[in-house]
Amino acid sequence: MDLFQEPAYVEEGFIPYTHKGETYNLWYGKTGSGNRPPVLVLHGGPGGSHDNLVAFQALSEDRPVIFYDQLGCGNSQRPDDPSLWYPERFFSEMKHVEDALGLGKYHLIGHSWGTTLATGFSHDHPGNIITLSLHSPILSFPKYLADVAPVLKEGLPDGYGKIIDEYELDGRGSDDLYEKAVMSFVRKNVIRTWPFPGPMTRLIEKKNHRIHEVMVQCASELNILGNLRELDISRFLMDLDMPVLFTAGEYDLCTPAFTEWHRSFAKDPEMHVIKNSAHMTLIDRPEEIIRIQKKFILKND
């Protein structure tokens, strides 16, 4: 199985989703048809797509694996309405997806912003979720901005951290130098695989920059000026009774220390650091993530 190819879906289509009187179409694709409880995969962003997570199709050897693109993202409908792009609406969107797909008991997996969505939803609607897997989690944006981003900036060469701050926070500097600084950060803390493989290329091509602008604003993600800036749902983990898996890449922008901080809130946690990987662990080290993920869900089926 080529883990980086778009899966051969046994079922694919759109879920009608109504919000404040307007109906939108949410794309989903299902691969696999085994009898074990299914897996639902939540992508990052905000404004991303399922494309960089397609390696999770390897879990479909013994169970259905469902990918879906959030409203405005990937293959889903893309309304031009900035009022839609706030965390709580995404949490409520998830309930509609769960009901429409008739999942029954299932395993929930999130990556990056998808961990925020997965945790917020699990807290509000835990009934059907067997396990929660949080890969490169970010549940407290204030904590990230206060304690994590400054260390990441200091770790960049050539004063690039200062260059990013001056450009994003003060409106000073050249586009070319800023782009070099951001690429340095990307190569160190976002993805170590070069050149970018197909899933990363597809992710970049499909990205909805408008959603990212409203919720994050800054391209580097080392600064957050959008509506995620004050969001902190880390303590939701204290209320969850299902087993929780945490992973982080060795060089992850959601650092191992930050992930360990998240883990400390959970009642039944398991954690792994993925060596020689950055934030895109499922691209940098897909076999390792799949091994860990498969063992975790089989243990808790």
Protein backbone atom coordinates (compact mmCIF):
# COMPACT_ATOMS: atom_id res chain seq x y z
CA MET A 1 0.00 0.00 0.00
CA ASP A 2 1.33 3.43 -0.99
CA LEU A 3 0.47 5.43 2.13
CA PHE A 4 0.87 8.75 0.31
CA GLN A 5 -1.68 8.03 -2.42
CA GLU A 6 -5.24 9.26 -2.10
CA PRO A 7 -7.17 6.25 -0.72
CA ALA A 8 -9.39 4.11 -2.92
CA TYR A 9 -12.63 5.02 -1.20
CA VAL A 10 -15.35 2.40 -0.86
CA GLU A 11 -17.75 5.24 -0.13
CA GLU A 12 -17.44 8.95 -0.88
CA GLY A 13 -19.88 11.79 -0.90
CA PHE A 14 -21.27 14.87 0.81
CA ILE A 15 -23.11 15.41 4.07
CA PRO A 16 -25.66 18.25 4.10
CA TYR A 17 -24.92 20.53 7.05
CA THR A 18 -27.28 23.30 8.11
CA HIS A 19 -26.12 26.24 10.19
CA LYS A 20 -28.27 29.31 10.92
CA GLY A 21 -30.65 28.48 8.11
CA GLU A 22 -27.99 27.89 5.46
CA THR A 23 -27.17 24.39 4.19
CA TYR A 24 -23.63 23.45 3.12
CA ASN A 25 -21.98 20.27 1.82
CA LEU A 26 -19.25 18.53 3.82
CA TRP A 27 -17.09 16.00 1.94
CA TYR A 28 -16.22 12.62 3.41
CA GLY A 29 -14.48 9.51 2.14
CA LYS A 30 -14.47 6.02 3.67
CA THR A 31 -11.85 3.35 3.07
CA GLY A 32 -11.85 -0.18 4.47
CA SER A 33 -14.80 -2.29 5.58
CA GLY A 34 -13.69 -4.51 8.47
CA ASN A 35 -15.84 -5.31 11.48
CA ARG A 36 -13.84 -3.47 14.12
CA PRO A 37 -15.00 -0.01 15.32
CA PRO A 38 -14.33 2.70 12.72
CA VAL A 39 -11.86 5.57 12.88
CA LEU A 40 -12.71 9.20 12.15
CA VAL A 41 -9.80 11.48 11.21
CA LEU A 42 -9.81 15.25 11.82
CA HIS A 43 -7.35 17.38 9.85
CA GLY A 44 -5.47 20.46 10.92
CA GLY A 45 -5.27 24.02 9.71
CA PRO A 46 -7.48 25.82 10.31
CA GLY A 47 -8.16 25.83 6.59
CA GLY A 48 -6.28 22.62 5.84
CA SER A 49 -7.60 19.33 4.45
CA HIS A 50 -7.36 15.59 4.99
CA ASP A 51 -4.57 15.24 2.41
CA ASN A 52 -1.54 15.19 4.73
CA LEU A 53 -3.20 12.49 6.86
CA VAL A 54 -4.00 9.95 4.14
CA ALA A 55 -1.40 7.52 5.55
CA PHE A 56 -4.01 6.68 8.20
CA GLN A 57 -5.62 4.58 5.44
CA ALA A 58 -3.23 1.86 6.69
CA LEU A 59 -5.61 1.39 9.63
CA SER A 60 -8.32 0.23 7.23
CA GLU A 61 -7.01 -3.34 7.07
CA ASP A 62 -9.47 -4.33 9.80
CA ARG A 63 -11.89 -1.39 10.14
CA PRO A 64 -13.42 1.53 8.21
CA VAL A 65 -11.38 4.74 8.23
CA ILE A 66 -13.28 7.94 7.49
CA PHE A 67 -11.68 11.19 6.40
CA TYR A 68 -13.69 14.39 6.19
CA ASP A 69 -12.89 17.95 5.21
CA GLN A 70 -14.22 20.64 7.51
CA LEU A 71 -16.51 23.34 6.15
CA GLY A 72 -14.58 25.64 3.83
CA CYS A 73 -11.74 23.13 3.52
CA GLY A 74 -10.45 20.65 0.96
CA ASN A 75 -13.27 19.05 -1.03
CA SER A 76 -16.05 20.52 1.12
CA GLN A 77 -18.10 23.56 0.15
CA ARG A 78 -16.25 26.86 0.54
CA PRO A 79 -18.64 29.63 1.55
CA ASP A 80 -17.26 33.15 1.60
CA ASP A 81 -18.54 34.11 5.05
CA PRO A 82 -15.94 35.10 7.68
CA SER A 83 -18.55 34.77 10.45
CA LEU A 84 -18.38 30.97 10.05
CA TRP A 85 -14.76 30.66 11.06
CA TYR A 86 -14.79 30.34 14.84
CA PRO A 87 -13.98 27.31 17.05
CA GLU A 88 -17.39 26.63 18.59
CA ARG A 89 -19.09 26.34 15.20
CA PHE A 90 -16.52 23.74 14.15
CA PHE A 91 -17.23 21.81 17.38
CA SER A 92 -20.96 21.76 16.58
CA GLU A 93 -20.23 20.78 12.96
CA MET A 94 -18.58 17.62 14.27
CA LYS A 95 -21.79 16.48 15.98
CA HIS A 96 -23.60 16.72 12.66
CA VAL A 97 -20.90 14.63 10.99
CA GLU A 98 -21.03 11.96 13.71
CA ASP A 99 -24.82 11.69 13.45
CA ALA A 100 -24.95 11.74 9.65
CA LEU A 101 -22.36 8.96 9.29
CA GLY A 102 -24.03 6.77 11.94
CA LEU A 103 -20.66 5.76 13.32
CA GLY A 104 -21.80 4.08 16.53
CA LYS A 105 -18.80 3.52 18.79
CA TYR A 106 -15.60 4.77 17.12
CA HIS A 107 -12.02 5.98 17.57
CA LEU A 108 -11.35 9.71 17.05
CA ILE A 109 -8.02 10.94 15.69
CA GLY A 110 -6.91 14.55 15.34
CA HIS A 111 -3.77 16.30 14.16
CA SER A 112 -2.72 19.86 15.09
CA TRP A 113 -5.84 22.12 14.94
CA GLY A 114 -7.72 18.82 14.52
CA THR A 115 -6.72 17.99 18.13
CA THR A 116 -8.43 21.20 19.28
CA LEU A 117 -11.55 20.18 17.40
CA ALA A 118 -11.38 16.57 18.60
CA THR A 119 -10.94 17.56 22.25
CA GLY A 120 -13.65 20.21 22.21
CA PHE A 121 -16.08 17.77 20.62
CA SER A 122 -15.12 14.87 22.89
CA HIS A 123 -15.74 17.05 25.92
CA ASP A 124 -19.22 18.04 24.74
CA HIS A 125 -20.24 14.70 23.17
CA PRO A 126 -18.17 11.82 24.62
CA GLY A 127 -20.83 9.11 24.31
CA ASN A 128 -19.62 7.26 21.20
CA ILE A 129 -15.87 7.86 21.40
CA ILE A 130 -13.81 4.81 22.43
CA THR A 131 -10.40 6.49 22.29
CA LEU A 132 -9.03 9.93 21.51
CA SER A 133 -5.71 10.28 19.66
CA LEU A 134 -4.04 13.70 19.65
CA HIS A 135 -1.08 14.02 17.30
CA SER A 136 0.92 17.24 17.80
CA PRO A 137 -1.76 18.73 20.06
CA ILE A 138 -2.47 22.41 20.62
CA LEU A 139 -5.28 22.92 23.12
CA SER A 140 -4.02 26.12 24.75
CA PHE A 141 -3.06 28.88 22.37
CA PRO A 142 -2.13 31.26 25.22
CA LYS A 143 0.29 28.65 26.58
CA TYR A 144 1.75 28.13 23.10
CA LEU A 145 2.26 31.87 22.60
CA ALA A 146 3.73 32.44 26.06
CA ASP A 147 6.01 29.43 26.48
CA VAL A 148 6.50 27.58 23.19
CA ALA A 149 6.67 30.08 20.31
CA PRO A 150 9.40 32.22 21.95
CA VAL A 151 11.67 29.17 22.28
CA LEU A 152 11.01 28.17 18.66
CA LYS A 153 11.87 31.69 17.49
CA GLU A 154 15.12 31.68 19.48
CA GLY A 155 16.05 28.35 17.89
CA LEU A 156 15.96 29.72 14.35
CA PRO A 157 19.25 30.74 12.68
CA ASP A 158 20.26 34.15 11.33
CA GLY A 159 17.92 36.13 13.55
CA TYR A 160 14.94 34.76 11.65
CA GLY A 161 12.72 34.73 14.74
CA LYS A 162 13.17 38.49 15.16
CA ILE A 163 12.56 39.01 11.44
CA ILE A 164 9.26 37.10 11.68
CA ASP A 165 8.15 39.17 14.68
CA GLU A 166 9.05 42.47 13.04
CA TYR A 167 7.13 41.55 9.89
CA GLU A 168 4.03 40.04 11.55
CA LEU A 169 3.74 42.23 14.64
CA ASP A 170 5.24 45.55 13.54
CA GLY A 171 4.68 45.54 9.77
CA ARG A 172 8.39 46.04 9.10
CA GLY A 173 10.76 44.19 6.78
CA SER A 174 10.90 42.83 3.26
CA ASP A 175 8.68 40.10 1.82
CA ASP A 176 11.71 38.14 0.58
CA LEU A 177 13.49 38.06 3.93
CA TYR A 178 10.29 37.20 5.76
CA GLU A 179 9.63 34.32 3.37
CA LYS A 180 13.16 33.00 3.93
CA ALA A 181 12.63 33.17 7.68
CA VAL A 182 9.32 31.33 7.50
CA MET A 183 10.80 28.65 5.24
CA SER A 184 13.61 28.13 7.72
CA PHE A 185 11.00 27.50 10.41
CA VAL A 186 9.01 25.19 8.12
CA ARG A 187 12.08 23.08 7.29
CA LYS A 188 13.04 22.81 10.96
CA ASN A 189 9.76 22.50 12.87
CA VAL A 190 6.94 21.79 10.40
CA ILE A 191 8.23 19.15 7.98
CA ARG A 192 11.66 17.55 7.63
CA THR A 193 10.89 15.67 4.41
CA TRP A 194 12.25 17.42 1.33
CA PRO A 195 11.17 17.83 -1.41
CA PHE A 196 7.55 17.84 -0.28
CA PRO A 197 5.78 14.56 -1.14
CA GLY A 198 2.35 14.44 -2.77
CA PRO A 199 0.21 14.77 0.39
CA MET A 200 1.99 17.98 1.42
CA THR A 201 1.73 19.43 -2.07
CA ARG A 202 -2.00 18.70 -2.18
CA LEU A 203 -2.43 20.22 1.27
CA ILE A 204 -0.74 23.46 0.19
CA GLU A 205 -2.73 23.65 -3.06
CA LYS A 206 -6.08 23.21 -1.29
CA LYS A 207 -5.43 25.43 1.75
CA ASN A 208 -8.16 27.98 2.45
CA HIS A 209 -6.10 31.00 3.38
CA ARG A 210 -9.18 33.02 4.30
CA ILE A 211 -10.05 30.67 7.19
CA HIS A 212 -6.46 30.70 8.37
CA GLU A 213 -6.40 34.49 8.22
CA VAL A 214 -9.51 34.83 10.38
CA MET A 215 -8.50 32.24 12.99
CA VAL A 216 -4.67 32.51 13.03
CA GLN A 217 -3.78 35.44 10.74
CA CYS A 218 0.02 35.05 10.78
CA ALA A 219 1.48 32.77 8.11
CA SER A 220 4.36 31.56 10.27
CA GLU A 221 2.03 30.36 13.08
CA LEU A 222 4.70 31.59 15.49
CA ASN A 223 2.33 34.48 16.20
CA ILE A 224 -1.45 34.18 16.45
CA LEU A 225 -3.55 37.32 16.08
CA GLY A 226 -6.79 35.66 14.94
CA ASN A 227 -9.71 34.39 17.02
CA LEU A 228 -7.80 31.35 18.31
CA ARG A 229 -5.45 33.59 20.28
CA GLU A 230 -7.31 33.28 23.60
CA LEU A 231 -8.69 29.75 23.18
CA ASP A 232 -7.69 27.34 25.96
CA ILE A 233 -9.51 24.02 26.29
CA SER A 234 -6.61 22.08 27.81
CA ARG A 235 -8.52 21.41 31.02
CA PHE A 236 -11.25 19.67 29.05
CA LEU A 237 -8.87 16.70 29.17
CA MET A 238 -9.48 16.39 32.91
CA ASP A 239 -13.15 15.54 32.26
CA LEU A 240 -12.53 12.84 29.64
CA ASP A 241 -12.80 9.19 30.68
CA MET A 242 -11.62 7.53 27.46
CA PRO A 243 -7.96 6.54 26.86
CA VAL A 244 -5.99 9.34 25.21
CA LEU A 245 -2.93 8.94 22.96
CA PHE A 246 -0.47 11.84 22.58
CA THR A 247 2.36 12.04 20.05
CA ALA A 248 4.78 14.79 19.05
CA GLY A 249 7.66 14.97 16.63
CA GLU A 250 11.14 15.38 18.04
CA TYR A 251 11.39 18.81 16.34
CA ASP A 252 7.65 19.55 16.39
CA LEU A 253 6.38 23.12 16.65
CA CYS A 254 4.01 21.54 19.20
CA THR A 255 7.08 20.46 21.10
CA PRO A 256 7.43 17.26 23.14
CA ALA A 257 7.51 19.40 26.29
CA PHE A 258 4.28 21.16 25.26
CA THR A 259 2.70 17.80 24.50
CA GLU A 260 3.83 16.45 27.87
CA TRP A 261 2.13 19.43 29.48
CA HIS A 262 -1.11 18.44 27.71
CA ARG A 263 -0.66 14.83 28.79
CA SER A 264 -0.51 15.85 32.43
CA PHE A 265 -4.21 16.80 32.34
CA ALA A 266 -5.47 13.45 31.03
CA LYS A 267 -6.69 10.60 33.23
CA ASP A 268 -5.57 7.68 31.06
CA PRO A 269 -2.76 8.96 28.80
CA GLU A 270 -0.16 7.35 26.60
CA MET A 271 2.57 9.42 24.96
CA HIS A 272 5.25 8.90 22.32
CA VAL A 273 7.90 11.20 20.83
CA ILE A 274 8.52 10.52 17.14
CA LYS A 275 12.25 10.73 16.43
CA ASN A 276 13.58 12.57 13.36
CA SER A 277 10.21 14.21 12.74
CA ALA A 278 8.71 17.67 12.91
CA HIS A 279 5.03 18.67 13.03
CA MET A 280 3.99 16.60 10.01
CA THR A 281 4.77 13.31 11.72
CA LEU A 282 2.54 11.32 9.39
CA ILE A 283 4.66 12.48 6.46
CA ASP A 284 8.08 12.45 8.12
CA ARG A 285 7.61 9.10 9.89
CA PRO A 286 4.37 7.47 8.66
CA GLU A 287 5.26 3.88 9.53
CA GLU A 288 6.09 4.80 13.14
CA ILE A 289 2.88 6.76 13.65
CA ILE A 290 0.81 3.97 12.10
CA ARG A 291 2.50 1.37 14.31
CA ILE A 292 1.77 3.36 17.46
CA GLN A 293 -1.76 4.26 16.41
CA LYS A 294 -2.71 0.72 15.39
CA LYS A 295 -1.40 -0.77 18.64
CA PHE A 296 -3.28 1.85 20.69
CA ILE A 297 -6.68 1.35 19.09
CA LEU A 298 -6.37 -2.46 19.02
CA LYS A 299 -5.56 -2.44 22.73
CA ASN A 300 -8.69 -0.42 23.44
CA ASP A 301 -11.21 -1.91 20.97
